[in-house]
Amino acid sequence: MVFLLVLLPLMAAGQPVYDCHRTTGKIKIDGKVTDKEWAAAVPCTDFRDIRGEGWPAPKYLTTMRMLWDDDNLYISAVLEEPDVKAKVSERDDIVYHDNDFEVFLNPYGDSKLYYEFETNALGTVMDLLMDKPYKQGGTYIMTWDFPGLKNAVKVQGTLNKSSDTDTGWSVEIMIPFDGLKRGGDDPRKNKEWKANFSRVEWLTKPEENWVWAPTGVVDIHIPDKWGTIRFVD
């Protein structure tokens, strides 16, 4: 197979495109992001203020990568953070009250039904299903969980100890494709998905929102303005 080597995500219609390559190796979900497969994945460091142009660049670096195989989508992120903190510990509590990393997936490209995943440096998960965006009268379904989800985090430093200086924290996520089937539709049929990735950072109040695909306002629930994952075989 021939793979297209790119160093940075491409841009289409003003929004980013990520070439997600197939991996033949096995990725261990331990939060360390040290598997050799990640070294071959395209690194994305293009996180920006959710409001877009004219707003300050993020203070800390975020490096996100994605891979896929026959069964799963793999996502990793390395988050620069000099003081790693997290308090929310119960699943489906409001994780973004801490600094967090968030994933939004719309595999069918209809800008309606989509999936949300959030985690903090404790590895606490908040995941849910949106039937459509809030501004279209949508509501969240918190009782929904990603079937077969695996995630892990690793802190490079000391969690909840502000007297020392940390490097940051990293996260690995495995999302089985089977869990995203909708009726008779299989998401693997779609070679392009709408998606976004976000980092909530409590430097001030209100919080900072650093995202892969800016929406122009402080509201990530606008799937039409998300970027595209392009599955490359």
C-alpha atoms as a PDB file:
ATOM      1  CA  MET A   1       0.000   0.000   0.000  1.00  0.00           C
ATOM      2  CA  VAL A   2       1.146   3.545  -0.682  1.00  0.00           C
ATOM      3  CA  PHE A   3       0.702   6.151   2.041  1.00  0.00           C
ATOM      4  CA  LEU A   4       0.714   9.904   1.565  1.00  0.00           C
ATOM      5  CA  LEU A   5       3.226  11.429   3.991  1.00  0.00           C
ATOM      6  CA  VAL A   6       2.185  14.781   5.372  1.00  0.00           C
ATOM      7  CA  LEU A   7       3.646  16.701   8.287  1.00  0.00           C
ATOM      8  CA  LEU A   8       0.699  18.922   9.128  1.00  0.00           C
ATOM      9  CA  PRO A   9      -3.081  18.659   8.694  1.00  0.00           C
ATOM     10  CA  LEU A  10      -4.390  20.088   5.456  1.00  0.00           C
ATOM     11  CA  MET A  11      -7.006  22.820   5.268  1.00  0.00           C
ATOM     12  CA  ALA A  12     -10.214  22.648   3.278  1.00  0.00           C
ATOM     13  CA  ALA A  13     -12.803  25.411   3.105  1.00  0.00           C
ATOM     14  CA  GLY A  14     -11.123  27.098   6.044  1.00  0.00           C
ATOM     15  CA  GLN A  15     -11.444  24.071   8.336  1.00  0.00           C
ATOM     16  CA  PRO A  16      -8.765  21.438   9.037  1.00  0.00           C
ATOM     17  CA  VAL A  17      -8.499  17.984   7.524  1.00  0.00           C
ATOM     18  CA  TYR A  18      -6.615  15.185   9.254  1.00  0.00           C
ATOM     19  CA  ASP A  19      -5.271  12.215   7.296  1.00  0.00           C
ATOM     20  CA  CYS A  20      -5.818   9.290   9.658  1.00  0.00           C
ATOM     21  CA  HIS A  21      -3.675   6.353   8.531  1.00  0.00           C
ATOM     22  CA  ARG A  22      -4.302   2.654   8.992  1.00  0.00           C
ATOM     23  CA  THR A  23      -2.013   0.921  11.483  1.00  0.00           C
ATOM     24  CA  THR A  24      -1.093  -2.736  11.383  1.00  0.00           C
ATOM     25  CA  GLY A  25       0.476  -2.736  14.842  1.00  0.00           C
ATOM     26  CA  LYS A  26      -1.160  -3.216  18.216  1.00  0.00           C
ATOM     27  CA  ILE A  27      -1.504  -0.115  20.365  1.00  0.00           C
ATOM     28  CA  LYS A  28      -1.417  -0.586  24.118  1.00  0.00           C
ATOM     29  CA  ILE A  29      -3.869   1.806  25.778  1.00  0.00           C
ATOM     30  CA  ASP A  30      -1.793   2.900  28.776  1.00  0.00           C
ATOM     31  CA  GLY A  31      -1.700   6.668  28.323  1.00  0.00           C
ATOM     32  CA  LYS A  32       2.028   6.760  27.587  1.00  0.00           C
ATOM     33  CA  VAL A  33       1.841   7.369  23.781  1.00  0.00           C
ATOM     34  CA  THR A  34       5.143   5.508  23.393  1.00  0.00           C
ATOM     35  CA  ASP A  35       4.101   2.790  20.926  1.00  0.00           C
ATOM     36  CA  LYS A  36       6.109   2.970  17.721  1.00  0.00           C
ATOM     37  CA  GLU A  37       2.858   3.266  15.769  1.00  0.00           C
ATOM     38  CA  TRP A  38       2.251   6.748  17.218  1.00  0.00           C
ATOM     39  CA  ALA A  39       5.620   7.918  15.922  1.00  0.00           C
ATOM     40  CA  ALA A  40       4.387   7.178  12.390  1.00  0.00           C
ATOM     41  CA  ALA A  41       1.067   8.991  12.857  1.00  0.00           C
ATOM     42  CA  VAL A  42       0.561  12.563  11.649  1.00  0.00           C
ATOM     43  CA  PRO A  43       1.109  15.015  14.536  1.00  0.00           C
ATOM     44  CA  CYS A  44      -1.405  17.819  14.827  1.00  0.00           C
ATOM     45  CA  THR A  45      -0.421  20.842  16.924  1.00  0.00           C
ATOM     46  CA  ASP A  46      -2.803  23.340  15.320  1.00  0.00           C
ATOM     47  CA  PHE A  47      -5.081  23.949  18.284  1.00  0.00           C
ATOM     48  CA  ARG A  48      -6.407  27.523  18.384  1.00  0.00           C
ATOM     49  CA  ASP A  49      -8.790  29.672  20.364  1.00  0.00           C
ATOM     50  CA  ILE A  50     -12.340  28.489  19.665  1.00  0.00           C
ATOM     51  CA  ARG A  51     -13.220  31.999  18.439  1.00  0.00           C
ATOM     52  CA  GLY A  52     -10.664  31.792  15.636  1.00  0.00           C
ATOM     53  CA  GLU A  53      -8.573  34.536  14.064  1.00  0.00           C
ATOM     54  CA  GLY A  54      -7.620  37.542  16.137  1.00  0.00           C
ATOM     55  CA  TRP A  55      -7.670  35.779  19.483  1.00  0.00           C
ATOM     56  CA  PRO A  56      -4.543  34.832  21.482  1.00  0.00           C
ATOM     57  CA  ALA A  57      -2.779  31.584  20.634  1.00  0.00           C
ATOM     58  CA  PRO A  58      -3.002  28.823  23.265  1.00  0.00           C
ATOM     59  CA  LYS A  59      -0.469  29.207  26.058  1.00  0.00           C
ATOM     60  CA  TYR A  60       0.356  25.493  26.147  1.00  0.00           C
ATOM     61  CA  LEU A  61       1.017  23.036  23.324  1.00  0.00           C
ATOM     62  CA  THR A  62      -1.372  20.205  22.460  1.00  0.00           C
ATOM     63  CA  THR A  63      -0.219  17.409  20.135  1.00  0.00           C
ATOM     64  CA  MET A  64      -2.982  15.136  18.868  1.00  0.00           C
ATOM     65  CA  ARG A  65      -2.654  12.024  16.679  1.00  0.00           C
ATOM     66  CA  MET A  66      -5.059   9.459  15.213  1.00  0.00           C
ATOM     67  CA  LEU A  67      -4.814   5.966  13.723  1.00  0.00           C
ATOM     68  CA  TRP A  68      -7.275   3.248  12.755  1.00  0.00           C
ATOM     69  CA  ASP A  69      -7.501  -0.458  12.036  1.00  0.00           C
ATOM     70  CA  ASP A  70     -10.321  -2.816  11.065  1.00  0.00           C
ATOM     71  CA  ASP A  71     -11.946  -2.562  14.468  1.00  0.00           C
ATOM     72  CA  ASN A  72     -11.058   0.700  16.183  1.00  0.00           C
ATOM     73  CA  LEU A  73     -10.281   4.389  15.977  1.00  0.00           C
ATOM     74  CA  TYR A  74      -7.288   5.384  18.121  1.00  0.00           C
ATOM     75  CA  ILE A  75      -6.738   8.907  19.415  1.00  0.00           C
ATOM     76  CA  SER A  76      -3.856  10.225  21.471  1.00  0.00           C
ATOM     77  CA  ALA A  77      -3.050  13.634  22.866  1.00  0.00           C
ATOM     78  CA  VAL A  78      -0.048  15.039  24.704  1.00  0.00           C
ATOM     79  CA  LEU A  79      -0.944  18.155  26.677  1.00  0.00           C
ATOM     80  CA  GLU A  80       1.723  20.528  27.901  1.00  0.00           C
ATOM     81  CA  GLU A  81       0.821  21.544  31.455  1.00  0.00           C
ATOM     82  CA  PRO A  82       3.146  22.964  34.158  1.00  0.00           C
ATOM     83  CA  ASP A  83       0.681  22.274  36.991  1.00  0.00           C
ATOM     84  CA  VAL A  84      -1.403  19.150  36.340  1.00  0.00           C
ATOM     85  CA  LYS A  85      -4.596  19.176  38.399  1.00  0.00           C
ATOM     86  CA  ALA A  86      -7.842  17.188  38.409  1.00  0.00           C
ATOM     87  CA  LYS A  87     -10.607  16.700  40.960  1.00  0.00           C
ATOM     88  CA  VAL A  88     -13.625  15.215  39.122  1.00  0.00           C
ATOM     89  CA  SER A  89     -13.517  11.465  39.768  1.00  0.00           C
ATOM     90  CA  GLU A  90     -16.978  10.023  39.044  1.00  0.00           C
ATOM     91  CA  ARG A  91     -17.930   8.870  35.561  1.00  0.00           C
ATOM     92  CA  ASP A  92     -20.279  11.248  33.753  1.00  0.00           C
ATOM     93  CA  ASP A  93     -19.740  14.041  36.253  1.00  0.00           C
ATOM     94  CA  ILE A  94     -18.975  17.377  34.588  1.00  0.00           C
ATOM     95  CA  VAL A  95     -15.371  16.715  33.591  1.00  0.00           C
ATOM     96  CA  TYR A  96     -14.831  20.134  31.983  1.00  0.00           C
ATOM     97  CA  HIS A  97     -14.924  21.685  35.453  1.00  0.00           C
ATOM     98  CA  ASP A  98     -11.296  20.458  35.382  1.00  0.00           C
ATOM     99  CA  ASN A  99      -8.746  21.028  32.654  1.00  0.00           C
ATOM    100  CA  ASP A 100      -9.662  18.366  30.117  1.00  0.00           C
ATOM    101  CA  PHE A 101      -9.355  16.890  26.620  1.00  0.00           C
ATOM    102  CA  GLU A 102     -12.506  16.415  24.530  1.00  0.00           C
ATOM    103  CA  VAL A 103     -13.448  14.488  21.375  1.00  0.00           C
ATOM    104  CA  PHE A 104     -16.508  15.121  19.171  1.00  0.00           C
ATOM    105  CA  LEU A 105     -17.353  12.654  16.391  1.00  0.00           C
ATOM    106  CA  ASN A 106     -20.016  12.873  13.676  1.00  0.00           C
ATOM    107  CA  PRO A 107     -19.298   9.750  11.560  1.00  0.00           C
ATOM    108  CA  TYR A 108     -22.318  10.144   9.283  1.00  0.00           C
ATOM    109  CA  GLY A 109     -21.681  13.783   8.393  1.00  0.00           C
ATOM    110  CA  ASP A 110     -25.272  14.862   8.971  1.00  0.00           C
ATOM    111  CA  SER A 111     -24.343  17.511  11.565  1.00  0.00           C
ATOM    112  CA  LYS A 112     -27.029  16.094  13.818  1.00  0.00           C
ATOM    113  CA  LEU A 113     -26.467  12.945  15.833  1.00  0.00           C
ATOM    114  CA  TYR A 114     -22.926  12.981  17.215  1.00  0.00           C
ATOM    115  CA  TYR A 115     -20.834  11.621  20.062  1.00  0.00           C
ATOM    116  CA  GLU A 116     -18.860  13.402  22.792  1.00  0.00           C
ATOM    117  CA  PHE A 117     -16.011  12.150  24.995  1.00  0.00           C
ATOM    118  CA  GLU A 118     -14.186  14.042  27.736  1.00  0.00           C
ATOM    119  CA  THR A 119     -11.414  13.071  30.139  1.00  0.00           C
ATOM    120  CA  ASN A 120      -9.234  14.773  32.724  1.00  0.00           C
ATOM    121  CA  ALA A 121      -5.815  13.958  34.180  1.00  0.00           C
ATOM    122  CA  LEU A 122      -7.412  11.419  36.536  1.00  0.00           C
ATOM    123  CA  GLY A 123      -8.733   9.504  33.530  1.00  0.00           C
ATOM    124  CA  THR A 124     -12.334  10.235  34.525  1.00  0.00           C
ATOM    125  CA  VAL A 125     -14.694   9.866  31.555  1.00  0.00           C
ATOM    126  CA  MET A 126     -17.758  11.833  30.598  1.00  0.00           C
ATOM    127  CA  ASP A 127     -19.326  10.494  27.401  1.00  0.00           C
ATOM    128  CA  LEU A 128     -22.678  11.165  25.833  1.00  0.00           C
ATOM    129  CA  LEU A 129     -24.783  11.164  22.696  1.00  0.00           C
ATOM    130  CA  MET A 130     -26.262  14.338  21.208  1.00  0.00           C
ATOM    131  CA  ASP A 131     -29.367  13.934  19.043  1.00  0.00           C
ATOM    132  CA  LYS A 132     -28.649  17.336  17.446  1.00  0.00           C
ATOM    133  CA  PRO A 133     -26.908  20.586  18.446  1.00  0.00           C
ATOM    134  CA  TYR A 134     -28.301  22.524  21.395  1.00  0.00           C
ATOM    135  CA  LYS A 135     -29.223  25.540  19.262  1.00  0.00           C
ATOM    136  CA  GLN A 136     -31.401  23.278  17.107  1.00  0.00           C
ATOM    137  CA  GLY A 137     -33.279  22.091  20.194  1.00  0.00           C
ATOM    138  CA  GLY A 138     -31.002  19.158  20.829  1.00  0.00           C
ATOM    139  CA  THR A 139     -30.444  17.441  24.126  1.00  0.00           C
ATOM    140  CA  TYR A 140     -27.734  15.266  25.580  1.00  0.00           C
ATOM    141  CA  ILE A 141     -28.186  11.571  26.403  1.00  0.00           C
ATOM    142  CA  MET A 142     -25.837  11.025  29.326  1.00  0.00           C
ATOM    143  CA  THR A 143     -26.953   7.440  29.876  1.00  0.00           C
ATOM    144  CA  TRP A 144     -25.258   6.515  26.591  1.00  0.00           C
ATOM    145  CA  ASP A 145     -21.687   5.205  26.863  1.00  0.00           C
ATOM    146  CA  PHE A 146     -19.187   4.394  24.106  1.00  0.00           C
ATOM    147  CA  PRO A 147     -19.464   0.583  23.782  1.00  0.00           C
ATOM    148  CA  GLY A 148     -16.058  -1.025  24.275  1.00  0.00           C
ATOM    149  CA  LEU A 149     -14.299   2.265  24.996  1.00  0.00           C
ATOM    150  CA  LYS A 150     -10.803   2.089  26.445  1.00  0.00           C
ATOM    151  CA  ASN A 151      -8.884   5.103  27.687  1.00  0.00           C
ATOM    152  CA  ALA A 152      -5.900   5.793  29.890  1.00  0.00           C
ATOM    153  CA  VAL A 153      -3.919   8.824  30.993  1.00  0.00           C
ATOM    154  CA  LYS A 154      -0.352   9.315  32.185  1.00  0.00           C
ATOM    155  CA  VAL A 155       0.842  12.331  34.157  1.00  0.00           C
ATOM    156  CA  GLN A 156       4.334  13.602  33.461  1.00  0.00           C
ATOM    157  CA  GLY A 157       4.862  15.112  36.893  1.00  0.00           C
ATOM    158  CA  THR A 158       2.912  15.085  40.147  1.00  0.00           C
ATOM    159  CA  LEU A 159      -0.864  15.340  40.079  1.00  0.00           C
ATOM    160  CA  ASN A 160      -2.412  18.028  42.297  1.00  0.00           C
ATOM    161  CA  LYS A 161       0.896  19.296  43.664  1.00  0.00           C
ATOM    162  CA  SER A 162       1.416  22.928  42.717  1.00  0.00           C
ATOM    163  CA  SER A 163       4.728  23.259  44.565  1.00  0.00           C
ATOM    164  CA  ASP A 164       6.620  21.510  41.755  1.00  0.00           C
ATOM    165  CA  THR A 165       6.672  21.969  37.979  1.00  0.00           C
ATOM    166  CA  ASP A 166       5.138  19.306  35.749  1.00  0.00           C
ATOM    167  CA  THR A 167       5.659  18.591  32.066  1.00  0.00           C
ATOM    168  CA  GLY A 168       2.042  17.731  31.308  1.00  0.00           C
ATOM    169  CA  TRP A 169      -0.199  14.726  30.785  1.00  0.00           C
ATOM    170  CA  SER A 170      -1.097  12.403  27.950  1.00  0.00           C
ATOM    171  CA  VAL A 171      -4.152  10.397  26.987  1.00  0.00           C
ATOM    172  CA  GLU A 172      -4.864   7.413  24.741  1.00  0.00           C
ATOM    173  CA  ILE A 173      -8.364   6.473  23.589  1.00  0.00           C
ATOM    174  CA  MET A 174      -9.641   3.431  21.697  1.00  0.00           C
ATOM    175  CA  ILE A 175     -13.143   3.691  20.201  1.00  0.00           C
ATOM    176  CA  PRO A 176     -14.542   0.525  18.566  1.00  0.00           C
ATOM    177  CA  PHE A 177     -16.326   1.182  15.266  1.00  0.00           C
ATOM    178  CA  ASP A 178     -19.009  -1.379  16.115  1.00  0.00           C
ATOM    179  CA  GLY A 179     -20.185   0.838  18.960  1.00  0.00           C
ATOM    180  CA  LEU A 180     -20.919   3.672  16.531  1.00  0.00           C
ATOM    181  CA  LYS A 181     -23.249   1.737  14.252  1.00  0.00           C
ATOM    182  CA  ARG A 182     -26.573   3.448  13.649  1.00  0.00           C
ATOM    183  CA  GLY A 183     -29.295   1.039  12.654  1.00  0.00           C
ATOM    184  CA  GLY A 184     -27.990  -0.764   9.597  1.00  0.00           C
ATOM    185  CA  ASP A 185     -25.309   1.871   8.937  1.00  0.00           C
ATOM    186  CA  ASP A 186     -21.672   1.051   9.649  1.00  0.00           C
ATOM    187  CA  PRO A 187     -19.397   4.083  10.179  1.00  0.00           C
ATOM    188  CA  ARG A 188     -16.562   2.279   8.382  1.00  0.00           C
ATOM    189  CA  LYS A 189     -18.395   2.870   5.108  1.00  0.00           C
ATOM    190  CA  ASN A 190     -17.692   6.577   5.445  1.00  0.00           C
ATOM    191  CA  LYS A 191     -14.131   7.492   4.521  1.00  0.00           C
ATOM    192  CA  GLU A 192     -14.582  11.010   5.895  1.00  0.00           C
ATOM    193  CA  TRP A 193     -16.042  11.997   9.267  1.00  0.00           C
ATOM    194  CA  LYS A 194     -16.832  15.389  10.730  1.00  0.00           C
ATOM    195  CA  ALA A 195     -14.990  15.840  14.023  1.00  0.00           C
ATOM    196  CA  ASN A 196     -13.534  18.265  16.497  1.00  0.00           C
ATOM    197  CA  PHE A 197     -11.161  18.148  19.440  1.00  0.00           C
ATOM    198  CA  SER A 198     -11.084  20.546  22.345  1.00  0.00           C
ATOM    199  CA  ARG A 199      -9.021  21.387  25.361  1.00  0.00           C
ATOM    200  CA  VAL A 200     -10.600  23.272  28.287  1.00  0.00           C
ATOM    201  CA  GLU A 201      -8.002  25.138  30.326  1.00  0.00           C
ATOM    202  CA  TRP A 202      -8.870  27.021  33.512  1.00  0.00           C
ATOM    203  CA  LEU A 203      -6.249  29.766  33.403  1.00  0.00           C
ATOM    204  CA  THR A 204      -8.920  32.371  34.087  1.00  0.00           C
ATOM    205  CA  LYS A 205     -12.684  32.597  34.467  1.00  0.00           C
ATOM    206  CA  PRO A 206     -14.318  32.064  32.051  1.00  0.00           C
ATOM    207  CA  GLU A 207     -12.146  29.193  30.903  1.00  0.00           C
ATOM    208  CA  GLU A 208      -9.910  29.030  27.836  1.00  0.00           C
ATOM    209  CA  ASN A 209     -11.234  26.859  24.986  1.00  0.00           C
ATOM    210  CA  TRP A 210      -8.528  25.624  22.599  1.00  0.00           C
ATOM    211  CA  VAL A 211      -9.813  23.573  19.673  1.00  0.00           C
ATOM    212  CA  TRP A 212      -8.729  21.898  16.455  1.00  0.00           C
ATOM    213  CA  ALA A 213     -11.451  23.521  14.333  1.00  0.00           C
ATOM    214  CA  PRO A 214     -12.549  26.982  15.577  1.00  0.00           C
ATOM    215  CA  THR A 215     -16.279  27.653  15.363  1.00  0.00           C
ATOM    216  CA  GLY A 216     -16.044  31.453  15.638  1.00  0.00           C
ATOM    217  CA  VAL A 217     -17.948  31.573  18.943  1.00  0.00           C
ATOM    218  CA  VAL A 218     -17.598  29.991  22.385  1.00  0.00           C
ATOM    219  CA  ASP A 219     -19.731  27.022  21.386  1.00  0.00           C
ATOM    220  CA  ILE A 220     -18.245  23.825  20.026  1.00  0.00           C
ATOM    221  CA  HIS A 221     -21.653  22.304  19.283  1.00  0.00           C
ATOM    222  CA  ILE A 222     -21.708  23.535  15.673  1.00  0.00           C
ATOM    223  CA  PRO A 223     -20.857  20.408  13.629  1.00  0.00           C
ATOM    224  CA  ASP A 224     -21.065  22.303  10.338  1.00  0.00           C
ATOM    225  CA  LYS A 225     -17.901  24.148  11.383  1.00  0.00           C
ATOM    226  CA  TRP A 226     -15.927  21.128  12.514  1.00  0.00           C
ATOM    227  CA  GLY A 227     -12.986  19.672  10.675  1.00  0.00           C
ATOM    228  CA  THR A 228     -12.740  16.382   8.759  1.00  0.00           C
ATOM    229  CA  ILE A 229     -11.054  13.096   9.563  1.00  0.00           C
ATOM    230  CA  ARG A 230     -10.027  11.451   6.293  1.00  0.00           C
ATOM    231  CA  PHE A 231      -9.352   7.705   6.642  1.00  0.00           C
ATOM    232  CA  VAL A 232      -6.303   6.758   4.566  1.00  0.00           C
ATOM    233  CA  ASP A 233      -5.586   3.112   3.730  1.00  0.00           C
END
